[in-house]
Amino acid sequence: MAIKVPSRFLGYAFCVGDLLLELDSGFNIKNADGAVKDTLGIQSIPESETNFLDLLDSRGKGLFQKTVKALTGANRLGPIKLQVGMDADGKELFGAFIAQLPSEPGAIYVVLSRPSRLGMNEALPTAGLLVEEKKQTFFKSLETLFEHDPGAEEKVQVTVIEAEAGQTLDIGQQTNIEQYLKSVSYGGTNAARVSDDKFAVVHDRNDASARAGVIRETVAKTTGVAINTATIDAAASNLSDRDSMRALVFSLQQFADDGEGFDVDSIQKNCGTLIGATTERVKAFRKVLDDGAFSLVYQPIVDMKKLTTHHFEALTRFDLPEIMKSQWEMIRFAEDVGLIDDFDRAVINRVIAKIRDLMKQGTAPGIAVNVSGRSLSDPEFISDLQKTLEANLDLTNYLSLEITESARILDLKSLGEVVQQIRGIGFKVYLDDFGAGAAGFQYLKSLKVDAVKIDGAYIKDAIGSAEDRAFLRSMVMLCKDLGVVTVGEWIETKEHADLLIDIGVDYGQGYFYGKPTKGLMSARRARAI
């Protein structure tokens, strides 16, 4: 008997994807939902057999097949980067999530999302969550090594490895290389695959078996893979200082993510210069914190039906040092080098002081303050935040927290527990940019927040895009089912506002209602949602 899938499930899926595909074990497309005709050139239910592999380029075929082999029925892999389309010269870039169900072992389910939906543009990572977790674990172990062993910089070196251009590593080769590097690493565990074809290993500088030439020869002999290497000398890089250590980790992160100027050749030639330049950026950001060289502006969030200010969002404006190019770059850099928690502490304390100052004047509105998901993954920050909130229980109707995410949050379960601690104390929690990046259904399920702010990219183009309107309706329906309040961002015109009111969005934010200003206009006392 055929089972009808509730339409809301399809709506949930469209919250995180543009195209939904069901394949058989031979990769033939059995069902497709979304704008499949315009994008893929096929019908929703193909009239003739279409093999998904035929829609991929040569690199994508191998990558997709390798990823499917790693499915267990209990895991979900992705996003992986695929060029998809009927025409060889007209393929479109997508991020693909892939899964199988234990009850349907012969079916492969694929969700394709445009990079803009994932908030990553063309720089969509090709590695799955497992690789990301290994990479972050490796970086943390590297920091711990240098923190706990003051003489480590004199003992070890860090070598980065990359497969030569044109080579695609299968899962077996990736695993073999990673295991071999661990066998020659300092302590036997300090090595990891940091992307599809890149690795890093910390090794004893006096260990002949871990020299770059030996590593290249051994990898070529055992796996058939030709590699390039570059070695970072910890002692020459003056890594005893913790900020220099952060600079090293940042450089390795940039290497893993194909950051400009951080390829193997550049690291080999300019290692000291790269780390030195990054260290200068760390110092510049720390000086901003030490000097308090940032200000706050406030943008209203409005009840769209009552047209009254409900609360404000506090937004940061830096006195940018010359070495930094933009406000966004400052925040993202702080996250990447592990300084965002210090910044979040400074902003929270300043907002609390602002609210108390306004309370004395009798005109305090509610204010939402941004907190990075990375900060909320740090035990020390969590402990400090809890103490701060418990010391300010009289502000539960005035202060709320807004979780922001520039990079993927790996441990949603732990973050969900933190969110519930905050809510248990009495403060409201929002999820920012819902629908962008990875902040989709899985985030909403795990975090159980009070409100979500729908990513403005959906709203900006919704007037002229039936697809974006469908996404918006699905998101709002999902939130209403879960009892979660919705806030629309980037509302620039009355037409945008009317559309969101019609769809059922609760609150609005954008230039139509007010630009960020240093002052706080309060027609009525607002409180957190």
Protein backbone atom coordinates (compact mmCIF):
# COMPACT_ATOMS: atom_id res chain seq x y z
CA MET A 1 0.00 0.00 0.00
CA ALA A 2 1.39 3.38 -0.96
CA ILE A 3 1.97 5.75 1.92
CA LYS A 4 1.33 9.45 1.35
CA VAL A 5 4.14 11.58 2.74
CA PRO A 6 2.74 14.60 4.64
CA SER A 7 3.36 17.79 2.70
CA ARG A 8 4.96 19.40 5.74
CA PHE A 9 7.82 16.86 5.55
CA LEU A 10 8.52 18.05 2.04
CA GLY A 11 8.40 21.60 3.39
CA TYR A 12 10.90 20.70 6.10
CA ALA A 13 13.25 19.25 3.50
CA PHE A 14 13.00 22.39 1.37
CA CYS A 15 14.15 24.42 4.39
CA VAL A 16 17.65 23.05 3.77
CA GLY A 17 17.63 22.07 0.11
CA ASP A 18 16.76 23.20 -3.41
CA LEU A 19 16.45 19.80 -5.09
CA LEU A 20 15.41 16.49 -3.55
CA LEU A 21 16.34 13.26 -5.33
CA GLU A 22 15.69 9.56 -4.75
CA LEU A 23 18.09 7.19 -6.52
CA ASP A 24 18.19 3.42 -6.78
CA SER A 25 21.32 1.40 -6.03
CA GLY A 26 22.48 1.91 -9.62
CA PHE A 27 22.19 5.72 -9.20
CA ASN A 28 19.14 5.98 -11.49
CA ILE A 29 16.78 8.83 -10.54
CA LYS A 30 13.43 7.46 -9.36
CA ASN A 31 11.89 10.64 -7.97
CA ALA A 32 12.83 14.31 -7.93
CA ASP A 33 11.28 17.38 -6.31
CA GLY A 34 12.10 21.05 -6.73
CA ALA A 35 13.05 23.06 -9.82
CA VAL A 36 14.34 19.91 -11.49
CA LYS A 37 13.23 20.65 -15.03
CA ASP A 38 14.93 24.05 -15.25
CA THR A 39 18.04 22.91 -13.39
CA LEU A 40 18.54 19.29 -14.41
CA GLY A 41 16.47 19.15 -17.57
CA ILE A 42 14.34 16.23 -16.38
CA GLN A 43 10.79 15.74 -15.15
CA SER A 44 9.93 15.35 -11.46
CA ILE A 45 9.22 11.69 -12.14
CA PRO A 46 11.55 10.91 -15.05
CA GLU A 47 9.75 9.66 -18.14
CA SER A 48 12.86 7.75 -19.15
CA GLU A 49 15.67 6.40 -17.01
CA THR A 50 18.17 9.12 -16.04
CA ASN A 51 21.33 8.16 -14.21
CA PHE A 52 22.48 10.76 -11.70
CA LEU A 53 26.13 10.05 -12.49
CA ASP A 54 25.50 11.23 -16.06
CA LEU A 55 24.66 14.68 -14.64
CA LEU A 56 28.06 15.01 -12.90
CA ASP A 57 31.51 15.88 -14.16
CA SER A 58 34.29 13.26 -13.95
CA ARG A 59 35.52 14.46 -10.56
CA GLY A 60 32.00 14.54 -9.15
CA LYS A 61 31.25 10.99 -10.28
CA GLY A 62 34.15 9.55 -8.33
CA LEU A 63 33.48 11.68 -5.28
CA PHE A 64 29.77 10.81 -5.23
CA GLN A 65 30.40 7.07 -5.59
CA LYS A 66 33.03 7.12 -2.85
CA THR A 67 30.68 8.96 -0.52
CA VAL A 68 27.83 6.52 -1.15
CA LYS A 69 30.12 3.62 -0.27
CA ALA A 70 30.64 5.20 3.15
CA LEU A 71 26.90 5.26 3.95
CA THR A 72 25.82 2.94 6.73
CA GLY A 73 22.09 3.60 6.94
CA ALA A 74 22.61 5.45 10.20
CA ASN A 75 24.77 8.34 9.00
CA ARG A 76 24.33 11.33 6.75
CA LEU A 77 27.28 12.62 4.75
CA GLY A 78 27.94 16.03 3.27
CA PRO A 79 27.94 18.61 2.10
CA ILE A 80 30.11 17.52 -0.81
CA LYS A 81 30.68 19.82 -3.76
CA LEU A 82 29.14 18.66 -7.04
CA GLN A 83 28.72 20.24 -10.47
CA VAL A 84 25.29 19.06 -11.67
CA GLY A 85 23.46 19.44 -15.00
CA MET A 86 22.62 17.88 -18.36
CA ASP A 87 25.06 19.98 -20.38
CA ALA A 88 28.81 19.52 -20.04
CA ASP A 89 29.39 23.28 -20.13
CA GLY A 90 26.30 24.34 -18.19
CA LYS A 91 26.54 22.46 -14.92
CA GLU A 92 25.63 24.26 -11.67
CA LEU A 93 27.45 24.02 -8.36
CA PHE A 94 25.55 22.38 -5.50
CA GLY A 95 26.31 21.14 -2.02
CA ALA A 96 24.98 17.59 -1.64
CA PHE A 97 23.83 15.81 1.52
CA ILE A 98 23.50 12.04 1.04
CA ALA A 99 21.82 9.37 3.16
CA GLN A 100 20.25 5.93 3.18
CA LEU A 101 17.56 4.55 5.48
CA PRO A 102 17.83 1.17 7.21
CA SER A 103 14.28 0.41 6.04
CA GLU A 104 15.14 1.23 2.40
CA PRO A 105 18.65 -0.16 1.75
CA GLY A 106 18.20 0.01 -2.01
CA ALA A 107 17.44 3.73 -2.08
CA ILE A 108 19.84 6.66 -1.96
CA TYR A 109 18.45 10.05 -0.89
CA VAL A 110 20.15 13.23 -2.04
CA VAL A 111 19.43 16.84 -1.05
CA LEU A 112 21.09 19.43 -3.32
CA SER A 113 21.52 22.95 -1.98
CA ARG A 114 22.97 25.92 -3.81
CA PRO A 115 26.12 27.23 -2.12
CA SER A 116 24.40 30.56 -1.37
CA ARG A 117 21.81 28.64 0.68
CA LEU A 118 24.63 27.10 2.67
CA GLY A 119 26.28 30.48 3.20
CA MET A 120 29.52 29.31 1.63
CA ASN A 121 29.37 30.59 -1.96
CA GLU A 122 32.00 28.89 -4.13
CA ALA A 123 34.06 27.82 -1.13
CA LEU A 124 31.77 24.94 -0.20
CA PRO A 125 33.78 22.32 1.69
CA THR A 126 34.15 18.92 0.09
CA ALA A 127 34.76 17.07 3.34
CA GLY A 128 31.96 15.58 5.44
CA LEU A 129 31.22 16.17 9.08
CA LEU A 130 33.59 13.41 10.17
CA VAL A 131 36.54 15.10 8.47
CA GLU A 132 35.57 18.47 9.97
CA GLU A 133 35.42 16.92 13.43
CA LYS A 134 38.82 15.27 12.96
CA LYS A 135 40.29 18.52 11.74
CA GLN A 136 39.02 20.53 14.69
CA THR A 137 40.14 17.81 17.12
CA PHE A 138 43.61 17.92 15.57
CA PHE A 139 43.81 21.70 15.93
CA LYS A 140 42.72 21.53 19.57
CA SER A 141 45.26 18.80 20.34
CA LEU A 142 47.94 20.95 18.72
CA GLU A 143 47.06 23.91 20.96
CA THR A 144 46.99 21.62 24.01
CA LEU A 145 50.39 20.17 23.12
CA PHE A 146 52.06 23.59 23.09
CA GLU A 147 50.16 24.86 26.13
CA HIS A 148 51.01 21.87 28.33
CA ASP A 149 54.58 21.39 27.14
CA PRO A 150 56.46 24.73 27.18
CA GLY A 151 59.40 23.13 25.38
CA ALA A 152 57.33 21.62 22.59
CA GLU A 153 58.31 24.26 20.05
CA GLU A 154 61.92 23.08 20.34
CA LYS A 155 60.96 19.43 19.86
CA VAL A 156 58.45 19.28 17.02
CA GLN A 157 57.67 20.42 13.51
CA VAL A 158 54.39 20.47 11.61
CA THR A 159 54.31 19.09 8.08
CA VAL A 160 51.38 19.68 5.72
CA ILE A 161 50.73 17.26 2.88
CA GLU A 162 48.69 17.66 -0.31
CA ALA A 163 48.10 15.27 -3.21
CA GLU A 164 49.60 16.54 -6.44
CA ALA A 165 47.26 18.32 -8.85
CA GLY A 166 44.95 16.08 -10.87
CA GLN A 167 44.86 13.23 -8.36
CA THR A 168 41.68 12.11 -6.65
CA LEU A 169 42.09 10.01 -3.51
CA ASP A 170 39.65 7.23 -2.78
CA ILE A 171 38.54 6.47 0.77
CA GLY A 172 41.07 3.68 1.14
CA GLN A 173 43.97 5.91 0.13
CA GLN A 174 42.79 8.69 2.45
CA THR A 175 42.57 6.26 5.37
CA ASN A 176 45.94 4.65 4.65
CA ILE A 177 47.72 8.01 4.45
CA GLU A 178 46.10 9.24 7.65
CA GLN A 179 47.00 6.07 9.56
CA TYR A 180 50.58 6.15 8.29
CA LEU A 181 51.00 9.79 9.34
CA LYS A 182 49.71 8.98 12.81
CA SER A 183 52.32 6.23 13.06
CA VAL A 184 55.13 8.77 12.62
CA SER A 185 53.46 11.58 14.57
CA TYR A 186 54.52 12.99 17.91
CA GLY A 187 52.69 10.88 20.50
CA GLY A 188 51.18 8.60 17.87
CA THR A 189 47.91 10.56 17.47
CA ASN A 190 48.86 14.01 16.23
CA ALA A 191 47.93 13.68 12.55
CA ALA A 192 44.69 14.14 10.61
CA ARG A 193 43.12 14.47 7.20
CA VAL A 194 42.01 18.09 7.01
CA SER A 195 40.22 17.92 3.62
CA ASP A 196 39.75 15.46 0.76
CA ASP A 197 43.36 15.54 -0.38
CA LYS A 198 45.19 17.36 2.45
CA PHE A 199 46.76 16.16 5.69
CA ALA A 200 48.80 17.53 8.58
CA VAL A 201 51.13 15.83 11.02
CA VAL A 202 53.04 16.97 14.12
CA HIS A 203 56.30 15.07 14.41
CA ASP A 204 59.58 15.01 16.31
CA ARG A 205 62.09 17.20 14.50
CA ASN A 206 64.82 14.57 15.08
CA ASP A 207 62.79 11.59 13.86
CA ALA A 208 64.33 10.55 10.53
CA SER A 209 61.26 8.48 9.64
CA ALA A 210 59.10 11.62 9.71
CA ARG A 211 61.18 13.78 7.39
CA ALA A 212 59.32 15.24 4.42
CA GLY A 213 61.29 13.24 1.85
CA VAL A 214 60.64 9.96 3.66
CA ILE A 215 56.93 10.78 3.96
CA ARG A 216 56.69 11.48 0.22
CA GLU A 217 58.47 8.24 -0.70
CA THR A 218 56.47 6.10 1.72
CA VAL A 219 53.10 7.50 0.64
CA ALA A 220 53.94 7.00 -3.04
CA LYS A 221 55.12 3.44 -2.42
CA THR A 222 52.21 2.31 -0.25
CA THR A 223 49.30 4.14 -1.88
CA GLY A 224 50.49 5.17 -5.34
CA VAL A 225 49.74 8.81 -4.51
CA ALA A 226 52.26 11.53 -5.34
CA ILE A 227 52.24 14.31 -2.74
CA ASN A 228 53.72 17.71 -2.04
CA THR A 229 54.85 18.69 1.44
CA ALA A 230 55.83 21.77 3.42
CA THR A 231 57.26 21.84 6.93
CA ILE A 232 56.64 24.50 9.56
CA ASP A 233 59.43 24.85 12.10
CA ALA A 234 57.75 25.61 15.42
CA ALA A 235 60.92 27.01 17.03
CA ALA A 236 61.63 29.33 14.09
CA SER A 237 58.04 30.57 14.29
CA ASN A 238 58.36 31.55 17.99
CA LEU A 239 55.29 29.55 18.97
CA SER A 240 55.81 29.73 22.71
CA ASP A 241 53.44 32.71 22.76
CA ARG A 242 49.81 31.58 22.79
CA ASP A 243 48.76 34.11 20.16
CA SER A 244 51.50 32.79 17.86
CA MET A 245 50.07 29.34 18.47
CA ARG A 246 46.67 30.64 17.40
CA ALA A 247 48.33 32.01 14.28
CA LEU A 248 49.72 28.57 13.44
CA VAL A 249 46.31 26.95 13.82
CA PHE A 250 44.77 29.69 11.68
CA SER A 251 47.38 29.06 8.98
CA LEU A 252 46.62 25.33 9.00
CA GLN A 253 42.90 26.12 8.80
CA GLN A 254 43.54 28.31 5.76
CA PHE A 255 45.64 25.54 4.20
CA ALA A 256 42.77 23.08 4.70
CA ASP A 257 40.21 25.50 3.26
CA ASP A 258 42.30 26.54 0.22
CA GLY A 259 42.86 30.02 1.63
CA GLU A 260 44.67 32.37 -0.72
CA GLY A 261 48.43 32.28 -0.12
CA PHE A 262 48.28 29.18 2.11
CA ASP A 263 48.99 26.46 -0.46
CA VAL A 264 51.90 24.06 0.04
CA ASP A 265 54.32 26.09 -2.09
CA SER A 266 53.54 29.33 -0.25
CA ILE A 267 53.89 27.70 3.16
CA GLN A 268 57.20 26.16 2.13
CA LYS A 269 58.60 29.48 0.88
CA ASN A 270 57.01 31.94 3.31
CA CYS A 271 56.22 29.98 6.46
CA GLY A 272 57.61 32.51 8.92
CA THR A 273 56.11 35.45 7.07
CA LEU A 274 52.64 33.87 6.92
CA ILE A 275 52.54 33.07 10.62
CA GLY A 276 54.10 36.42 11.48
CA ALA A 277 51.46 38.32 9.49
CA THR A 278 48.68 36.33 11.14
CA THR A 279 50.19 36.97 14.57
CA GLU A 280 50.09 40.71 13.82
CA ARG A 281 46.39 40.41 13.01
CA VAL A 282 45.82 38.59 16.30
CA LYS A 283 47.60 41.37 18.16
CA ALA A 284 45.56 44.01 16.31
CA PHE A 285 42.30 42.34 17.31
CA ARG A 286 43.43 41.88 20.88
CA LYS A 287 44.31 45.60 21.03
CA VAL A 288 40.76 46.41 19.88
CA LEU A 289 39.47 44.38 22.83
CA ASP A 290 41.93 45.81 25.33
CA ASP A 291 41.19 49.39 24.24
CA GLY A 292 37.45 48.79 23.96
CA ALA A 293 37.74 50.15 20.42
CA PHE A 294 34.28 49.15 19.29
CA SER A 295 30.86 50.67 19.59
CA LEU A 296 27.30 49.35 19.51
CA VAL A 297 24.44 50.44 17.29
CA TYR A 298 20.86 49.28 17.68
CA GLN A 299 18.33 48.18 15.06
CA PRO A 300 14.64 47.82 15.95
CA ILE A 301 12.68 44.55 15.68
CA VAL A 302 9.04 45.45 15.09
CA ASP A 303 5.71 43.76 15.65
CA MET A 304 4.57 43.99 12.03
CA LYS A 305 0.87 43.98 12.78
CA LYS A 306 0.94 46.47 15.66
CA LEU A 307 3.78 48.51 14.12
CA THR A 308 5.40 48.91 17.54
CA THR A 309 9.03 48.36 18.46
CA HIS A 310 9.33 45.05 20.26
CA HIS A 311 13.08 45.09 21.03
CA PHE A 312 16.44 46.01 19.49
CA GLU A 313 19.40 44.04 18.20
CA ALA A 314 22.83 45.28 19.30
CA LEU A 315 25.24 45.35 16.36
CA THR A 316 28.99 45.86 16.62
CA ARG A 317 30.96 48.57 14.86
CA PHE A 318 34.75 48.36 15.11
CA ASP A 319 37.34 51.07 14.88
CA LEU A 320 39.05 48.97 12.22
CA PRO A 321 42.83 48.65 12.39
CA GLU A 322 44.58 49.05 9.04
CA ILE A 323 45.36 45.36 8.89
CA MET A 324 41.63 44.47 8.80
CA LYS A 325 39.40 45.22 5.82
CA SER A 326 35.83 44.90 7.12
CA GLN A 327 33.61 44.35 10.13
CA TRP A 328 32.76 40.85 8.86
CA GLU A 329 36.44 39.97 8.45
CA MET A 330 37.10 40.98 12.06
CA ILE A 331 34.38 38.69 13.43
CA ARG A 332 35.26 35.74 11.21
CA PHE A 333 38.96 36.08 12.00
CA ALA A 334 38.19 36.19 15.73
CA GLU A 335 36.27 32.94 15.36
CA ASP A 336 39.01 31.26 13.35
CA VAL A 337 41.81 32.12 15.80
CA GLY A 338 39.78 31.42 18.95
CA LEU A 339 39.33 34.99 20.20
CA ILE A 340 35.59 35.28 19.64
CA ASP A 341 34.77 34.25 23.21
CA ASP A 342 36.74 37.20 24.60
CA PHE A 343 34.91 39.51 22.23
CA ASP A 344 31.48 38.07 23.09
CA ARG A 345 32.19 38.62 26.80
CA ALA A 346 33.04 42.27 26.12
CA VAL A 347 29.86 42.86 24.09
CA ILE A 348 27.56 41.15 26.61
CA ASN A 349 29.00 43.19 29.46
CA ARG A 350 28.62 46.41 27.50
CA VAL A 351 24.98 45.65 26.63
CA ILE A 352 24.19 44.85 30.26
CA ALA A 353 25.74 48.16 31.30
CA LYS A 354 23.67 49.94 28.61
CA ILE A 355 20.44 48.37 29.81
CA ARG A 356 21.14 49.30 33.43
CA ASP A 357 21.95 52.85 32.44
CA LEU A 358 18.65 53.11 30.55
CA MET A 359 16.73 51.53 33.44
CA LYS A 360 17.93 54.35 35.66
CA GLN A 361 16.38 56.74 33.14
CA GLY A 362 13.16 54.70 33.12
CA THR A 363 13.20 53.99 29.36
CA ALA A 364 15.00 50.64 28.95
CA PRO A 365 13.89 48.54 25.95
CA GLY A 366 14.72 44.90 25.32
CA ILE A 367 18.08 44.26 23.61
CA ALA A 368 19.27 41.09 21.87
CA VAL A 369 23.03 40.50 21.85
CA ASN A 370 24.85 38.24 19.38
CA VAL A 371 26.84 35.29 20.74
CA SER A 372 28.91 33.03 18.50
CA GLY A 373 28.07 29.34 18.42
CA ARG A 374 31.79 28.75 18.89
CA SER A 375 31.79 30.68 22.16
CA LEU A 376 28.88 28.56 23.34
CA SER A 377 31.03 25.48 22.65
CA ASP A 378 33.76 26.63 25.06
CA PRO A 379 33.31 25.33 28.65
CA GLU A 380 35.05 28.34 30.23
CA PHE A 381 32.88 30.81 28.31
CA ILE A 382 29.73 28.85 29.19
CA SER A 383 30.63 28.93 32.89
CA ASP A 384 31.33 32.67 32.77
CA LEU A 385 28.10 33.35 30.86
CA GLN A 386 26.04 31.39 33.35
CA LYS A 387 27.51 33.37 36.25
CA THR A 388 26.86 36.65 34.41
CA LEU A 389 23.24 35.79 33.67
CA GLU A 390 22.57 34.54 37.22
CA ALA A 391 23.99 37.81 38.55
CA ASN A 392 21.53 39.75 36.38
CA LEU A 393 18.26 37.87 36.85
CA ASP A 394 16.35 41.14 37.00
CA LEU A 395 17.16 41.62 33.27
CA THR A 396 15.33 38.55 31.93
CA ASN A 397 12.70 40.81 30.33
CA TYR A 398 15.35 43.08 28.83
CA LEU A 399 18.28 40.91 27.65
CA SER A 400 18.16 38.05 25.15
CA LEU A 401 20.87 36.10 23.31
CA GLU A 402 21.09 35.54 19.56
CA ILE A 403 23.21 32.59 18.39
CA THR A 404 25.21 33.44 15.29
CA GLU A 405 27.09 31.01 13.09
CA SER A 406 29.84 31.86 10.62
CA ALA A 407 31.14 28.33 10.60
CA ARG A 408 29.56 24.96 11.16
CA ILE A 409 28.73 24.02 14.76
CA LEU A 410 29.80 20.42 15.19
CA ASP A 411 28.27 19.35 18.52
CA LEU A 412 24.63 20.37 18.32
CA LYS A 413 23.66 18.14 21.24
CA SER A 414 26.00 19.92 23.64
CA LEU A 415 24.99 23.33 22.30
CA GLY A 416 21.35 22.36 22.77
CA GLU A 417 22.06 21.62 26.43
CA VAL A 418 23.68 25.04 26.82
CA VAL A 419 20.65 26.71 25.23
CA GLN A 420 18.38 24.97 27.71
CA GLN A 421 20.59 26.12 30.60
CA ILE A 422 20.25 29.71 29.43
CA ARG A 423 16.48 29.38 29.00
CA GLY A 424 16.27 27.65 32.39
CA ILE A 425 17.87 30.69 34.01
CA GLY A 426 15.11 32.78 32.42
CA PHE A 427 16.66 34.39 29.33
CA LYS A 428 15.33 34.01 25.79
CA VAL A 429 17.45 32.57 22.99
CA TYR A 430 17.15 33.23 19.23
CA LEU A 431 18.74 31.37 16.31
CA ASP A 432 20.12 33.85 13.77
CA ASP A 433 20.04 33.42 9.96
CA PHE A 434 17.71 30.42 9.98
CA GLY A 435 17.94 28.69 6.59
CA ALA A 436 21.45 29.94 5.80
CA GLY A 437 24.55 27.77 6.08
CA ALA A 438 23.83 24.67 8.11
CA ALA A 439 21.29 26.51 10.30
CA GLY A 440 18.30 24.53 9.12
CA PHE A 441 15.95 21.88 10.40
CA GLN A 442 18.62 19.94 12.30
CA TYR A 443 19.56 23.09 14.22
CA LEU A 444 15.99 23.87 15.12
CA LYS A 445 15.39 20.32 16.27
CA SER A 446 18.50 20.20 18.45
CA LEU A 447 18.53 23.69 19.93
CA LYS A 448 14.87 24.27 20.86
CA VAL A 449 15.13 28.06 20.80
CA ASP A 450 12.44 30.64 21.55
CA ALA A 451 12.65 32.39 18.19
CA VAL A 452 14.38 32.18 14.81
CA LYS A 453 15.45 34.97 12.50
CA ILE A 454 14.83 33.92 8.91
CA ASP A 455 17.84 34.59 6.73
CA GLY A 456 17.36 37.75 4.73
CA ALA A 457 18.48 36.11 1.47
CA TYR A 458 15.10 34.37 1.27
CA ILE A 459 13.21 37.59 1.95
CA LYS A 460 15.19 39.87 -0.34
CA ASP A 461 14.19 38.01 -3.51
CA ALA A 462 10.83 36.66 -2.37
CA ILE A 463 8.78 39.31 -4.21
CA GLY A 464 9.93 38.07 -7.60
CA SER A 465 10.64 34.42 -6.80
CA ALA A 466 7.94 31.81 -6.28
CA GLU A 467 10.66 29.44 -5.10
CA ASP A 468 11.77 31.76 -2.30
CA ARG A 469 8.15 32.34 -1.27
CA ALA A 470 7.70 28.57 -1.05
CA PHE A 471 10.78 28.31 1.15
CA LEU A 472 9.47 31.08 3.40
CA ARG A 473 6.06 29.46 3.80
CA SER A 474 7.67 26.12 4.65
CA MET A 475 9.91 27.70 7.28
CA VAL A 476 7.07 29.62 8.90
CA MET A 477 4.83 26.53 8.89
CA LEU A 478 7.59 24.51 10.52
CA CYS A 479 8.16 27.14 13.22
CA LYS A 480 4.45 27.50 13.96
CA ASP A 481 4.15 23.71 14.34
CA LEU A 482 6.99 23.85 16.87
CA GLY A 483 5.73 26.93 18.69
CA VAL A 484 8.76 29.01 17.69
CA VAL A 485 8.41 32.74 17.03
CA THR A 486 9.67 34.02 13.65
CA VAL A 487 11.53 37.23 12.80
CA GLY A 488 12.08 38.32 9.20
CA GLU A 489 15.36 40.08 8.31
CA TRP A 490 16.30 42.47 5.47
CA ILE A 491 12.81 43.98 5.12
CA GLU A 492 13.44 46.96 2.85
CA THR A 493 10.02 47.84 1.41
CA LYS A 494 6.34 47.82 2.32
CA GLU A 495 5.89 45.11 -0.28
CA HIS A 496 8.31 42.89 1.63
CA ALA A 497 6.52 43.63 4.91
CA ASP A 498 3.07 42.89 3.46
CA LEU A 499 4.30 39.59 2.03
CA LEU A 500 5.72 38.44 5.36
CA ILE A 501 2.59 39.47 7.22
CA ASP A 502 0.54 37.43 4.73
CA ILE A 503 2.83 34.41 5.17
CA GLY A 504 2.54 34.68 8.96
CA VAL A 505 5.93 35.99 10.11
CA ASP A 506 5.63 37.52 13.59
CA TYR A 507 8.28 40.26 13.72
CA GLY A 508 10.33 42.20 11.21
CA GLN A 509 13.75 43.85 11.00
CA GLY A 510 15.21 45.92 8.20
CA TYR A 511 15.63 49.40 6.76
CA PHE A 512 11.87 49.66 6.18
CA TYR A 513 11.42 49.74 9.95
CA GLY A 514 14.65 51.49 10.86
CA LYS A 515 18.40 51.55 10.28
CA PRO A 516 20.92 50.78 13.05
CA THR A 517 21.54 53.91 15.12
CA LYS A 518 23.50 54.77 18.23
CA GLY A 519 20.39 55.97 20.00
CA LEU A 520 17.47 53.84 21.18
CA MET A 521 13.98 54.96 20.24
CA SER A 522 11.36 53.44 22.48
CA ALA A 523 7.73 54.30 21.86
CA ARG A 524 6.80 51.65 24.40
CA ARG A 525 8.72 49.47 26.80
CA ALA A 526 9.68 46.38 24.82
CA ARG A 527 10.71 43.09 26.30
CA ALA A 528 12.41 39.98 24.93
CA ILE A 529 10.26 37.63 22.87
